[in-house]
Structures are given as C-alpha cells and as structure tokens.
C-alpha cells in the first residue's frame, strides 16, 4: 500500500520521551505504529477497487431481482387465470343448479 496516512513519527517520539519513555522505546513504538498504519489502512486505490466490485455485485443483484420479479408476476398471472376458470365454472354450475330448481318448481307446480 502506498502512503495511506501522514504520520509524524518525530512528533510521536517527542511526545513519548516527554512522557518518560526512553528515546529507544519511543522510536521503537513510532516505527511499529508507522508500520501498522501503512499495512492496515486502505488506500484510495483499495477503496476504488472495492467500490468497483460492489457496483458489479449490485448490478448482478438488480438483474437477479428483475428476473425474480418477472417470475412472480408470471405466477400471479397464472393464478389469476386459474381463479377466473374456477369462478366461471362455479358460476356456470350455480346457474345450472338454479335453472334446475326453477324447472323442477314449474313441474311441481304445473
């Protein structure tokens, strides 16, 4: 990784020695701190690479969702068609039953 953050090792050493650390201890801590910062912080290029990966994945998810939504719409259309078939059949049977009852009443009364 390239320069991820500006770390003033001189100021760090100066503050530690003023707090009672020996210069060797302060320099060792400063070196270790600088190493940790350089090796663990993301650089701009790291962030841009992750952003690019995320954009690709977001597009894949959008595409998958569009396919799933169309599948659900298709299933809803099929369910509506089935429901209409059942309702027409039930209404036809109901009308035939009423016609039969009316015809029976005429025979009974007439």
PDB file of N, CA and C in Angstrom:
ATOM      1  N   UNK A   1       0.833  -1.186   0.000  1.00  0.00           N
ATOM      2  CA  UNK A   1       0.000   0.000   0.000  1.00  0.00           C
ATOM      3  C   UNK A   1       0.873   1.243   0.000  1.00  0.00           C
ATOM      4  N   UNK A   2       0.378   2.203  -0.696  1.00  0.00           N
ATOM      5  CA  UNK A   2       1.137   3.447  -0.723  1.00  0.00           C
ATOM      6  C   UNK A   2       0.737   4.309   0.465  1.00  0.00           C
ATOM      7  N   UNK A   3       1.257   5.481   0.500  1.00  0.00           N
ATOM      8  CA  UNK A   3       1.076   6.388   1.636  1.00  0.00           C
ATOM      9  C   UNK A   3      -0.404   6.594   1.953  1.00  0.00           C
ATOM     10  N   UNK A   4      -0.878   5.920   2.998  1.00  0.00           N
ATOM     11  CA  UNK A   4      -2.296   5.955   3.345  1.00  0.00           C
ATOM     12  C   UNK A   4      -2.613   7.094   4.291  1.00  0.00           C
ATOM     13  N   UNK A   5      -1.670   7.453   5.146  1.00  0.00           N
ATOM     14  CA  UNK A   5      -1.922   8.495   6.130  1.00  0.00           C
ATOM     15  C   UNK A   5      -0.588   9.142   6.489  1.00  0.00           C
ATOM     16  N   UNK A   6      -0.610  10.428   6.766  1.00  0.00           N
ATOM     17  CA  UNK A   6       0.618  11.118   7.183  1.00  0.00           C
ATOM     18  C   UNK A   6       0.775  10.913   8.685  1.00  0.00           C
ATOM     19  N   UNK A   7       1.854  10.277   9.081  1.00  0.00           N
ATOM     20  CA  UNK A   7       2.114  10.016  10.489  1.00  0.00           C
ATOM     21  C   UNK A   7       3.442  10.674  10.862  1.00  0.00           C
ATOM     22  N   UNK A   8       3.378  11.603  11.773  1.00  0.00           N
ATOM     23  CA  UNK A   8       4.557  12.361  12.191  1.00  0.00           C
ATOM     24  C   UNK A   8       5.285  11.579  13.280  1.00  0.00           C
ATOM     25  N   UNK A   9       6.259  10.759  12.859  1.00  0.00           N
ATOM     26  CA  UNK A   9       6.996   9.930  13.826  1.00  0.00           C
ATOM     27  C   UNK A   9       7.831  10.797  14.770  1.00  0.00           C
ATOM     28  N   UNK A  10       8.365  11.899  14.265  1.00  0.00           N
ATOM     29  CA  UNK A  10       9.184  12.785  15.117  1.00  0.00           C
ATOM     30  C   UNK A  10       8.339  13.337  16.271  1.00  0.00           C
ATOM     31  N   UNK A  11       7.161  13.820  15.961  1.00  0.00           N
ATOM     32  CA  UNK A  11       6.263  14.359  16.994  1.00  0.00           C
ATOM     33  C   UNK A  11       5.869  13.259  17.979  1.00  0.00           C
ATOM     34  N   UNK A  12       5.612  12.055  17.453  1.00  0.00           N
ATOM     35  CA  UNK A  12       5.230  10.915  18.288  1.00  0.00           C
ATOM     36  C   UNK A  12       6.350  10.584  19.279  1.00  0.00           C
ATOM     37  N   UNK A  13       7.589  10.510  18.756  1.00  0.00           N
ATOM     38  CA  UNK A  13       8.757  10.214  19.616  1.00  0.00           C
ATOM     39  C   UNK A  13       8.935  11.320  20.635  1.00  0.00           C
ATOM     40  N   UNK A  14       8.819  12.571  20.212  1.00  0.00           N
ATOM     41  CA  UNK A  14       8.981  13.716  21.102  1.00  0.00           C
ATOM     42  C   UNK A  14       7.959  13.669  22.257  1.00  0.00           C
ATOM     43  N   UNK A  15       6.699  13.360  21.952  1.00  0.00           N
ATOM     44  CA  UNK A  15       5.661  13.264  22.983  1.00  0.00           C
ATOM     45  C   UNK A  15       5.916  12.110  23.951  1.00  0.00           C
ATOM     46  N   UNK A  16       6.367  10.987  23.421  1.00  0.00           N
ATOM     47  CA  UNK A  16       6.639   9.841  24.297  1.00  0.00           C
ATOM     48  C   UNK A  16       7.834  10.102  25.207  1.00  0.00           C
ATOM     49  N   UNK A  17       8.893  10.690  24.673  1.00  0.00           N
ATOM     50  CA  UNK A  17      10.062  10.968  25.523  1.00  0.00           C
ATOM     51  C   UNK A  17       9.716  12.016  26.571  1.00  0.00           C
ATOM     52  N   UNK A  18       8.841  12.955  26.237  1.00  0.00           N
ATOM     53  CA  UNK A  18       8.400  13.952  27.219  1.00  0.00           C
ATOM     54  C   UNK A  18       7.554  13.304  28.309  1.00  0.00           C
ATOM     55  N   UNK A  19       6.950  12.146  27.987  1.00  0.00           N
ATOM     56  CA  UNK A  19       6.113  11.442  28.969  1.00  0.00           C
ATOM     57  C   UNK A  19       6.888  10.420  29.779  1.00  0.00           C
ATOM     58  N   UNK A  20       8.196  10.303  29.531  1.00  0.00           N
ATOM     59  CA  UNK A  20       9.001   9.414  30.347  1.00  0.00           C
ATOM     60  C   UNK A  20       9.556   8.196  29.626  1.00  0.00           C
ATOM     61  N   UNK A  21       9.247   8.001  28.375  1.00  0.00           N
ATOM     62  CA  UNK A  21       9.819   6.888  27.625  1.00  0.00           C
ATOM     63  C   UNK A  21      11.256   7.232  27.267  1.00  0.00           C
ATOM     64  N   UNK A  22      12.075   6.193  27.150  1.00  0.00           N
ATOM     65  CA  UNK A  22      13.422   6.448  26.650  1.00  0.00           C
ATOM     66  C   UNK A  22      13.307   6.691  25.156  1.00  0.00           C
ATOM     67  N   UNK A  23      14.343   7.298  24.587  1.00  0.00           N
ATOM     68  CA  UNK A  23      14.297   7.567  23.158  1.00  0.00           C
ATOM     69  C   UNK A  23      14.216   6.280  22.355  1.00  0.00           C
ATOM     70  N   UNK A  24      14.919   5.227  22.790  1.00  0.00           N
ATOM     71  CA  UNK A  24      14.884   3.931  22.089  1.00  0.00           C
ATOM     72  C   UNK A  24      13.461   3.337  22.136  1.00  0.00           C
ATOM     73  N   UNK A  25      12.823   3.418  23.303  1.00  0.00           N
ATOM     74  CA  UNK A  25      11.454   2.904  23.421  1.00  0.00           C
ATOM     75  C   UNK A  25      10.497   3.698  22.521  1.00  0.00           C
ATOM     76  N   UNK A  26      10.630   5.011  22.557  1.00  0.00           N
ATOM     77  CA  UNK A  26       9.757   5.874  21.771  1.00  0.00           C
ATOM     78  C   UNK A  26       9.940   5.618  20.273  1.00  0.00           C
ATOM     79  N   UNK A  27      11.201   5.466  19.835  1.00  0.00           N
ATOM     80  CA  UNK A  27      11.459   5.204  18.420  1.00  0.00           C
ATOM     81  C   UNK A  27      10.925   3.841  18.003  1.00  0.00           C
ATOM     82  N   UNK A  28      11.071   2.832  18.887  1.00  0.00           N
ATOM     83  CA  UNK A  28      10.539   1.501  18.573  1.00  0.00           C
ATOM     84  C   UNK A  28       9.019   1.562  18.426  1.00  0.00           C
ATOM     85  N   UNK A  29       8.362   2.268  19.332  1.00  0.00           N
ATOM     86  CA  UNK A  29       6.912   2.415  19.242  1.00  0.00           C
ATOM     87  C   UNK A  29       6.498   3.197  17.995  1.00  0.00           C
ATOM     88  N   UNK A  30       7.246   4.228  17.670  1.00  0.00           N
ATOM     89  CA  UNK A  30       6.943   5.029  16.487  1.00  0.00           C
ATOM     90  C   UNK A  30       7.084   4.193  15.217  1.00  0.00           C
ATOM     91  N   UNK A  31       8.150   3.410  15.145  1.00  0.00           N
ATOM     92  CA  UNK A  31       8.350   2.546  13.972  1.00  0.00           C
ATOM     93  C   UNK A  31       7.214   1.532  13.843  1.00  0.00           C
ATOM     94  N   UNK A  32       6.846   0.923  14.965  1.00  0.00           N
ATOM     95  CA  UNK A  32       5.776  -0.070  14.942  1.00  0.00           C
ATOM     96  C   UNK A  32       4.441   0.567  14.570  1.00  0.00           C
ATOM     97  N   UNK A  33       4.175   1.746  15.121  1.00  0.00           N
ATOM     98  CA  UNK A  33       2.929   2.453  14.801  1.00  0.00           C
ATOM     99  C   UNK A  33       2.878   2.804  13.316  1.00  0.00           C
ATOM    100  N   UNK A  34       3.979   3.291  12.773  1.00  0.00           N
ATOM    101  CA  UNK A  34       4.034   3.643  11.348  1.00  0.00           C
ATOM    102  C   UNK A  34       3.809   2.403  10.492  1.00  0.00           C
ATOM    103  N   UNK A  35       4.431   1.286  10.887  1.00  0.00           N
ATOM    104  CA  UNK A  35       4.254   0.028  10.148  1.00  0.00           C
ATOM    105  C   UNK A  35       2.792  -0.423  10.182  1.00  0.00           C
ATOM    106  N   UNK A  36       2.164  -0.366  11.346  1.00  0.00           N
ATOM    107  CA  UNK A  36       0.756  -0.755  11.464  1.00  0.00           C
ATOM    108  C   UNK A  36      -0.144   0.121  10.602  1.00  0.00           C
ATOM    109  N   UNK A  37       0.099   1.410  10.626  1.00  0.00           N
ATOM    110  CA  UNK A  37      -0.705   2.318   9.820  1.00  0.00           C
ATOM    111  C   UNK A  37      -0.531   2.040   8.329  1.00  0.00           C
ATOM    112  N   UNK A  38       0.683   1.828   7.909  1.00  0.00           N
ATOM    113  CA  UNK A  38       0.955   1.597   6.494  1.00  0.00           C
ATOM    114  C   UNK A  38       0.406   0.254   6.012  1.00  0.00           C
ATOM    115  N   UNK A  39       0.409  -0.749   6.880  1.00  0.00           N
ATOM    116  CA  UNK A  39      -0.005  -2.078   6.433  1.00  0.00           C
ATOM    117  C   UNK A  39      -1.483  -2.356   6.621  1.00  0.00           C
ATOM    118  N   UNK A  40      -2.190  -1.566   7.432  1.00  0.00           N
ATOM    119  CA  UNK A  40      -3.582  -1.899   7.737  1.00  0.00           C
ATOM    120  C   UNK A  40      -4.617  -0.910   7.229  1.00  0.00           C
ATOM    121  N   UNK A  41      -4.221   0.257   6.801  1.00  0.00           N
ATOM    122  CA  UNK A  41      -5.194   1.221   6.312  1.00  0.00           C
ATOM    123  C   UNK A  41      -5.373   1.077   4.803  1.00  0.00           C
ATOM    124  N   UNK A  42      -6.592   1.245   4.362  1.00  0.00           N
ATOM    125  CA  UNK A  42      -6.888   1.149   2.938  1.00  0.00           C
ATOM    126  C   UNK A  42      -6.450   2.426   2.226  1.00  0.00           C
ATOM    127  N   UNK A  43      -5.935   2.234   1.043  1.00  0.00           N
ATOM    128  CA  UNK A  43      -5.558   3.381   0.215  1.00  0.00           C
ATOM    129  C   UNK A  43      -6.736   3.750  -0.684  1.00  0.00           C
ATOM    130  N   UNK A  44      -6.606   4.844  -1.361  1.00  0.00           N
ATOM    131  CA  UNK A  44      -7.658   5.270  -2.296  1.00  0.00           C
ATOM    132  C   UNK A  44      -7.884   4.203  -3.362  1.00  0.00           C
ATOM    133  N   UNK A  45      -6.803   3.611  -3.861  1.00  0.00           N
ATOM    134  CA  UNK A  45      -6.964   2.577  -4.892  1.00  0.00           C
ATOM    135  C   UNK A  45      -7.651   1.337  -4.319  1.00  0.00           C
ATOM    136  N   UNK A  46      -7.387   1.006  -3.040  1.00  0.00           N
ATOM    137  CA  UNK A  46      -8.094  -0.109  -2.397  1.00  0.00           C
ATOM    138  C   UNK A  46      -9.588   0.169  -2.353  1.00  0.00           C
ATOM    139  N   UNK A  47      -9.939   1.369  -1.961  1.00  0.00           N
ATOM    140  CA  UNK A  47     -11.347   1.748  -1.843  1.00  0.00           C
ATOM    141  C   UNK A  47     -12.014   1.764  -3.211  1.00  0.00           C
ATOM    142  N   UNK A  48     -11.316   2.287  -4.222  1.00  0.00           N
ATOM    143  CA  UNK A  48     -11.884   2.310  -5.574  1.00  0.00           C
ATOM    144  C   UNK A  48     -12.092   0.900  -6.116  1.00  0.00           C
ATOM    145  N   UNK A  49     -11.168  -0.016  -5.810  1.00  0.00           N
ATOM    146  CA  UNK A  49     -11.312  -1.409  -6.263  1.00  0.00           C
ATOM    147  C   UNK A  49     -12.520  -2.059  -5.589  1.00  0.00           C
ATOM    148  N   UNK A  50     -12.683  -1.821  -4.301  1.00  0.00           N
ATOM    149  CA  UNK A  50     -13.830  -2.383  -3.579  1.00  0.00           C
ATOM    150  C   UNK A  50     -15.125  -1.780  -4.114  1.00  0.00           C
ATOM    151  N   UNK A  51     -15.100  -0.481  -4.366  1.00  0.00           N
ATOM    152  CA  UNK A  51     -16.288   0.190  -4.904  1.00  0.00           C
ATOM    153  C   UNK A  51     -16.677  -0.400  -6.251  1.00  0.00           C
ATOM    154  N   UNK A  52     -15.678  -0.638  -7.089  1.00  0.00           N
ATOM    155  CA  UNK A  52     -15.935  -1.228  -8.400  1.00  0.00           C
ATOM    156  C   UNK A  52     -16.543  -2.625  -8.259  1.00  0.00           C
ATOM    157  N   UNK A  53     -15.984  -3.430  -7.358  1.00  0.00           N
ATOM    158  CA  UNK A  53     -16.525  -4.770  -7.109  1.00  0.00           C
ATOM    159  C   UNK A  53     -17.967  -4.689  -6.616  1.00  0.00           C
ATOM    160  N   UNK A  54     -18.225  -3.746  -5.713  1.00  0.00           N
ATOM    161  CA  UNK A  54     -19.581  -3.587  -5.182  1.00  0.00           C
ATOM    162  C   UNK A  54     -20.564  -3.169  -6.271  1.00  0.00           C
ATOM    163  N   UNK A  55     -20.134  -2.280  -7.155  1.00  0.00           N
ATOM    164  CA  UNK A  55     -21.015  -1.843  -8.240  1.00  0.00           C
ATOM    165  C   UNK A  55     -21.386  -3.006  -9.145  1.00  0.00           C
ATOM    166  N   UNK A  56     -20.407  -3.879  -9.426  1.00  0.00           N
ATOM    167  CA  UNK A  56     -20.679  -5.064 -10.251  1.00  0.00           C
ATOM    168  C   UNK A  56     -21.671  -5.969  -9.534  1.00  0.00           C
ATOM    169  N   UNK A  57     -21.446  -6.199  -8.251  1.00  0.00           N
ATOM    170  CA  UNK A  57     -22.338  -7.070  -7.485  1.00  0.00           C
ATOM    171  C   UNK A  57     -23.743  -6.471  -7.370  1.00  0.00           C
ATOM    172  N   UNK A  58     -23.830  -5.174  -7.210  1.00  0.00           N
ATOM    173  CA  UNK A  58     -25.140  -4.508  -7.133  1.00  0.00           C
ATOM    174  C   UNK A  58     -25.890  -4.698  -8.451  1.00  0.00           C
ATOM    175  N   UNK A  59     -25.197  -4.564  -9.571  1.00  0.00           N
ATOM    176  CA  UNK A  59     -25.840  -4.768 -10.870  1.00  0.00           C
ATOM    177  C   UNK A  59     -26.312  -6.205 -11.020  1.00  0.00           C
ATOM    178  N   UNK A  60     -25.516  -7.167 -10.522  1.00  0.00           N
ATOM    179  CA  UNK A  60     -25.921  -8.574 -10.583  1.00  0.00           C
ATOM    180  C   UNK A  60     -27.168  -8.806  -9.738  1.00  0.00           C
ATOM    181  N   UNK A  61     -27.208  -8.211  -8.555  1.00  0.00           N
ATOM    182  CA  UNK A  61     -28.371  -8.358  -7.678  1.00  0.00           C
ATOM    183  C   UNK A  61     -29.600  -7.728  -8.325  1.00  0.00           C
ATOM    184  N   UNK A  62     -29.443  -6.549  -8.912  1.00  0.00           N
ATOM    185  CA  UNK A  62     -30.563  -5.900  -9.605  1.00  0.00           C
ATOM    186  C   UNK A  62     -31.093  -6.788 -10.732  1.00  0.00           C
ATOM    187  N   UNK A  63     -30.182  -7.345 -11.496  1.00  0.00           N
ATOM    188  CA  UNK A  63     -30.574  -8.213 -12.599  1.00  0.00           C
ATOM    189  C   UNK A  63     -31.311  -9.446 -12.072  1.00  0.00           C
ATOM    190  N   UNK A  64     -30.776 -10.063 -11.021  1.00  0.00           N
ATOM    191  CA  UNK A  64     -31.427 -11.232 -10.424  1.00  0.00           C
ATOM    192  C   UNK A  64     -32.807 -10.872  -9.890  1.00  0.00           C
ATOM    193  N   UNK A  65     -32.930  -9.704  -9.268  1.00  0.00           N
ATOM    194  CA  UNK A  65     -34.223  -9.272  -8.742  1.00  0.00           C
ATOM    195  C   UNK A  65     -35.228  -9.050  -9.860  1.00  0.00           C
ATOM    196  N   UNK A  66     -34.781  -8.470 -10.955  1.00  0.00           N
ATOM    197  CA  UNK A  66     -35.684  -8.249 -12.085  1.00  0.00           C
ATOM    198  C   UNK A  66     -36.207  -9.578 -12.614  1.00  0.00           C
ATOM    199  N   UNK A  67     -35.341 -10.583 -12.695  1.00  0.00           N
ATOM    200  CA  UNK A  67     -35.760 -11.909 -13.154  1.00  0.00           C
ATOM    201  C   UNK A  67     -36.769 -12.501 -12.170  1.00  0.00           C
ATOM    202  N   UNK A  68     -36.469 -12.417 -10.878  1.00  0.00           N
ATOM    203  CA  UNK A  68     -37.376 -12.958  -9.848  1.00  0.00           C
ATOM    204  C   UNK A  68     -38.719 -12.230  -9.865  1.00  0.00           C
ATOM    205  N   UNK A  69     -38.693 -10.919 -10.021  1.00  0.00           N
ATOM    206  CA  UNK A  69     -39.944 -10.149 -10.064  1.00  0.00           C
ATOM    207  C   UNK A  69     -40.783 -10.590 -11.260  1.00  0.00           C
ATOM    208  N   UNK A  70     -40.156 -10.794 -12.397  1.00  0.00           N
ATOM    209  CA  UNK A  70     -40.899 -11.246 -13.574  1.00  0.00           C
ATOM    210  C   UNK A  70     -41.465 -12.644 -13.353  1.00  0.00           C
ATOM    211  N   UNK A  71     -40.720 -13.507 -12.656  1.00  0.00           N
ATOM    212  CA  UNK A  71     -41.233 -14.841 -12.345  1.00  0.00           C
ATOM    213  C   UNK A  71     -42.458 -14.751 -11.436  1.00  0.00           C
ATOM    214  N   UNK A  72     -42.403 -13.872 -10.450  1.00  0.00           N
ATOM    215  CA  UNK A  72     -43.543 -13.692  -9.549  1.00  0.00           C
ATOM    216  C   UNK A  72     -44.739 -13.148 -10.319  1.00  0.00           C
ATOM    217  N   UNK A  73     -44.506 -12.180 -11.186  1.00  0.00           N
ATOM    218  CA  UNK A  73     -45.607 -11.631 -11.997  1.00  0.00           C
ATOM    219  C   UNK A  73     -46.242 -12.722 -12.856  1.00  0.00           C
ATOM    220  N   UNK A  74     -45.418 -13.568 -13.423  1.00  0.00           N
ATOM    221  CA  UNK A  74     -45.919 -14.666 -14.243  1.00  0.00           C
ATOM    222  C   UNK A  74     -46.780 -15.622 -13.404  1.00  0.00           C
ATOM    223  N   UNK A  75     -46.309 -15.944 -12.214  1.00  0.00           N
ATOM    224  CA  UNK A  75     -47.082 -16.815 -11.317  1.00  0.00           C
ATOM    225  C   UNK A  75     -48.410 -16.165 -10.922  1.00  0.00           C
ATOM    226  N   UNK A  76     -48.397 -14.856 -10.677  1.00  0.00           N
ATOM    227  CA  UNK A  76     -49.636 -14.146 -10.322  1.00  0.00           C
ATOM    228  C   UNK A  76     -50.602 -14.177 -11.501  1.00  0.00           C
ATOM    229  N   UNK A  77     -50.100 -13.960 -12.713  1.00  0.00           N
ATOM    230  CA  UNK A  77     -50.959 -14.020 -13.897  1.00  0.00           C
ATOM    231  C   UNK A  77     -51.583 -15.407 -14.044  1.00  0.00           C
ATOM    232  N   UNK A  78     -50.775 -16.434 -13.822  1.00  0.00           N
ATOM    233  CA  UNK A  78     -51.273 -17.814 -13.915  1.00  0.00           C
ATOM    234  C   UNK A  78     -52.336 -18.068 -12.846  1.00  0.00           C
ATOM    235  N   UNK A  79     -52.087 -17.599 -11.624  1.00  0.00           N
ATOM    236  CA  UNK A  79     -53.057 -17.781 -10.545  1.00  0.00           C
ATOM    237  C   UNK A  79     -54.359 -17.051 -10.861  1.00  0.00           C
ATOM    238  N   UNK A  80     -54.259 -15.856 -11.434  1.00  0.00           N
ATOM    239  CA  UNK A  80     -55.469 -15.112 -11.814  1.00  0.00           C
ATOM    240  C   UNK A  80     -56.260 -15.884 -12.868  1.00  0.00           C
ATOM    241  N   UNK A  81     -55.555 -16.419 -13.863  1.00  0.00           N
ATOM    242  CA  UNK A  81     -56.227 -17.181 -14.920  1.00  0.00           C
ATOM    243  C   UNK A  81     -56.903 -18.415 -14.336  1.00  0.00           C
ATOM    244  N   UNK A  82     -56.237 -19.116 -13.450  1.00  0.00           N
ATOM    245  CA  UNK A  82     -56.831 -20.289 -12.799  1.00  0.00           C
ATOM    246  C   UNK A  82     -58.054 -19.894 -11.986  1.00  0.00           C
ATOM    247  N   UNK A  83     -57.966 -18.790 -11.283  1.00  0.00           N
ATOM    248  CA  UNK A  83     -59.083 -18.314 -10.471  1.00  0.00           C
ATOM    249  C   UNK A  83     -60.284 -17.968 -11.350  1.00  0.00           C
ATOM    250  N   UNK A  84     -60.021 -17.313 -12.479  1.00  0.00           N
ATOM    251  CA  UNK A  84     -61.111 -16.976 -13.403  1.00  0.00           C
ATOM    252  C   UNK A  84     -61.763 -18.246 -13.930  1.00  0.00           C
ATOM    253  N   UNK A  85     -60.963 -19.262 -14.293  1.00  0.00           N
ATOM    254  CA  UNK A  85     -61.521 -20.533 -14.766  1.00  0.00           C
ATOM    255  C   UNK A  85     -62.427 -21.165 -13.712  1.00  0.00           C
ATOM    256  N   UNK A  86     -61.940 -21.197 -12.475  1.00  0.00           N
ATOM    257  CA  UNK A  86     -62.727 -21.784 -11.386  1.00  0.00           C
ATOM    258  C   UNK A  86     -64.002 -20.987 -11.142  1.00  0.00           C
ATOM    259  N   UNK A  87     -63.915 -19.671 -11.182  1.00  0.00           N
ATOM    260  CA  UNK A  87     -65.095 -18.836 -10.947  1.00  0.00           C
ATOM    261  C   UNK A  87     -66.122 -19.011 -12.056  1.00  0.00           C
ATOM    262  N   UNK A  88     -65.679 -19.059 -13.305  1.00  0.00           N
ATOM    263  CA  UNK A  88     -66.601 -19.271 -14.424  1.00  0.00           C
ATOM    264  C   UNK A  88     -67.263 -20.640 -14.287  1.00  0.00           C
ATOM    265  N   UNK A  89     -66.480 -21.637 -13.945  1.00  0.00           N
ATOM    266  CA  UNK A  89     -67.039 -22.978 -13.748  1.00  0.00           C
ATOM    267  C   UNK A  89     -68.050 -23.007 -12.611  1.00  0.00           C
ATOM    268  N   UNK A  90     -67.701 -22.349 -11.498  1.00  0.00           N
ATOM    269  CA  UNK A  90     -68.605 -22.322 -10.347  1.00  0.00           C
ATOM    270  C   UNK A  90     -69.875 -21.550 -10.677  1.00  0.00           C
ATOM    271  N   UNK A  91     -69.740 -20.420 -11.366  1.00  0.00           N
ATOM    272  CA  UNK A  91     -70.920 -19.643 -11.748  1.00  0.00           C
ATOM    273  C   UNK A  91     -71.804 -20.417 -12.725  1.00  0.00           C
ATOM    274  N   UNK A  92     -71.191 -21.142 -13.644  1.00  0.00           N
ATOM    275  CA  UNK A  92     -71.952 -21.960 -14.596  1.00  0.00           C
ATOM    276  C   UNK A  92     -72.702 -23.057 -13.854  1.00  0.00           C
ATOM    277  N   UNK A  93     -72.032 -23.721 -12.935  1.00  0.00           N
ATOM    278  CA  UNK A  93     -72.687 -24.770 -12.145  1.00  0.00           C
ATOM    279  C   UNK A  93     -73.817 -24.178 -11.303  1.00  0.00           C
ATOM    280  N   UNK A  94     -73.563 -23.006 -10.736  1.00  0.00           N
ATOM    281  CA  UNK A  94     -74.579 -22.333  -9.926  1.00  0.00           C
ATOM    282  C   UNK A  94     -75.787 -21.974 -10.786  1.00  0.00           C
ATOM    283  N   UNK A  95     -75.557 -21.437 -11.965  1.00  0.00           N
ATOM    284  CA  UNK A  95     -76.651 -21.081 -12.876  1.00  0.00           C
ATOM    285  C   UNK A  95     -77.421 -22.327 -13.291  1.00  0.00           C
ATOM    286  N   UNK A  96     -76.716 -23.434 -13.560  1.00  0.00           N
ATOM    287  CA  UNK A  96     -77.384 -24.689 -13.940  1.00  0.00           C
ATOM    288  C   UNK A  96     -78.227 -25.210 -12.782  1.00  0.00           C
ATOM    289  N   UNK A  97     -77.722 -25.101 -11.561  1.00  0.00           N
ATOM    290  CA  UNK A  97     -78.468 -25.538 -10.387  1.00  0.00           C
ATOM    291  C   UNK A  97     -79.739 -24.712 -10.215  1.00  0.00           C
ATOM    292  N   UNK A  98     -79.616 -23.399 -10.360  1.00  0.00           N
ATOM    293  CA  UNK A  98     -80.790 -22.521 -10.237  1.00  0.00           C
ATOM    294  C   UNK A  98     -81.798 -22.850 -11.340  1.00  0.00           C
ATOM    295  N   UNK A  99     -81.304 -23.048 -12.578  1.00  0.00           N
ATOM    296  CA  UNK A  99     -82.202 -23.400 -13.688  1.00  0.00           C
ATOM    297  C   UNK A  99     -82.905 -24.719 -13.401  1.00  0.00           C
ATOM    298  N   UNK A 100     -82.192 -25.675 -12.842  1.00  0.00           N
ATOM    299  CA  UNK A 100     -82.796 -26.964 -12.496  1.00  0.00           C
ATOM    300  C   UNK A 100     -83.843 -26.829 -11.407  1.00  0.00           C
ATOM    301  N   UNK A 101     -83.574 -26.016 -10.411  1.00  0.00           N
ATOM    302  CA  UNK A 101     -84.527 -25.810  -9.319  1.00  0.00           C
ATOM    303  C   UNK A 101     -85.781 -25.112  -9.856  1.00  0.00           C
ATOM    304  N   UNK A 102     -85.584 -24.096 -10.690  1.00  0.00           N
ATOM    305  CA  UNK A 102     -86.718 -23.376 -11.275  1.00  0.00           C
ATOM    306  C   UNK A 102     -87.540 -24.331 -12.146  1.00  0.00           C
ATOM    307  N   UNK A 103     -86.869 -25.149 -12.970  1.00  0.00           N
ATOM    308  CA  UNK A 103     -87.569 -26.098 -13.840  1.00  0.00           C
ATOM    309  C   UNK A 103     -88.331 -27.126 -12.992  1.00  0.00           C
ATOM    310  N   UNK A 104     -87.717 -27.560 -11.916  1.00  0.00           N
ATOM    311  CA  UNK A 104     -88.387 -28.503 -11.010  1.00  0.00           C
ATOM    312  C   UNK A 104     -89.597 -27.890 -10.349  1.00  0.00           C
ATOM    313  N   UNK A 105     -89.509 -26.633  -9.990  1.00  0.00           N
ATOM    314  CA  UNK A 105     -90.637 -25.942  -9.362  1.00  0.00           C
ATOM    315  C   UNK A 105     -91.798 -25.839 -10.362  1.00  0.00           C
ATOM    316  N   UNK A 106     -91.466 -25.534 -11.636  1.00  0.00           N
ATOM    317  CA  UNK A 106     -92.531 -25.449 -12.654  1.00  0.00           C
ATOM    318  C   UNK A 106     -93.204 -26.793 -12.846  1.00  0.00           C
ATOM    319  N   UNK A 107     -92.436 -27.870 -12.826  1.00  0.00           N
ATOM    320  CA  UNK A 107     -93.003 -29.215 -12.990  1.00  0.00           C
ATOM    321  C   UNK A 107     -93.870 -29.540 -11.781  1.00  0.00           C
ATOM    322  N   UNK A 108     -93.371 -29.178 -10.612  1.00  0.00           N
ATOM    323  CA  UNK A 108     -94.080 -29.473  -9.376  1.00  0.00           C
ATOM    324  C   UNK A 108     -95.386 -28.669  -9.294  1.00  0.00           C
ATOM    325  N   UNK A 109     -95.304 -27.425  -9.705  1.00  0.00           N
ATOM    326  CA  UNK A 109     -96.476 -26.537  -9.616  1.00  0.00           C
ATOM    327  C   UNK A 109     -97.397 -26.684 -10.823  1.00  0.00           C
ATOM    328  N   UNK A 110     -96.873 -27.121 -11.920  1.00  0.00           N
ATOM    329  CA  UNK A 110     -97.647 -27.066 -13.139  1.00  0.00           C
ATOM    330  C   UNK A 110     -98.211 -28.333 -13.591  1.00  0.00           C
TER     331      UNK A 110
END
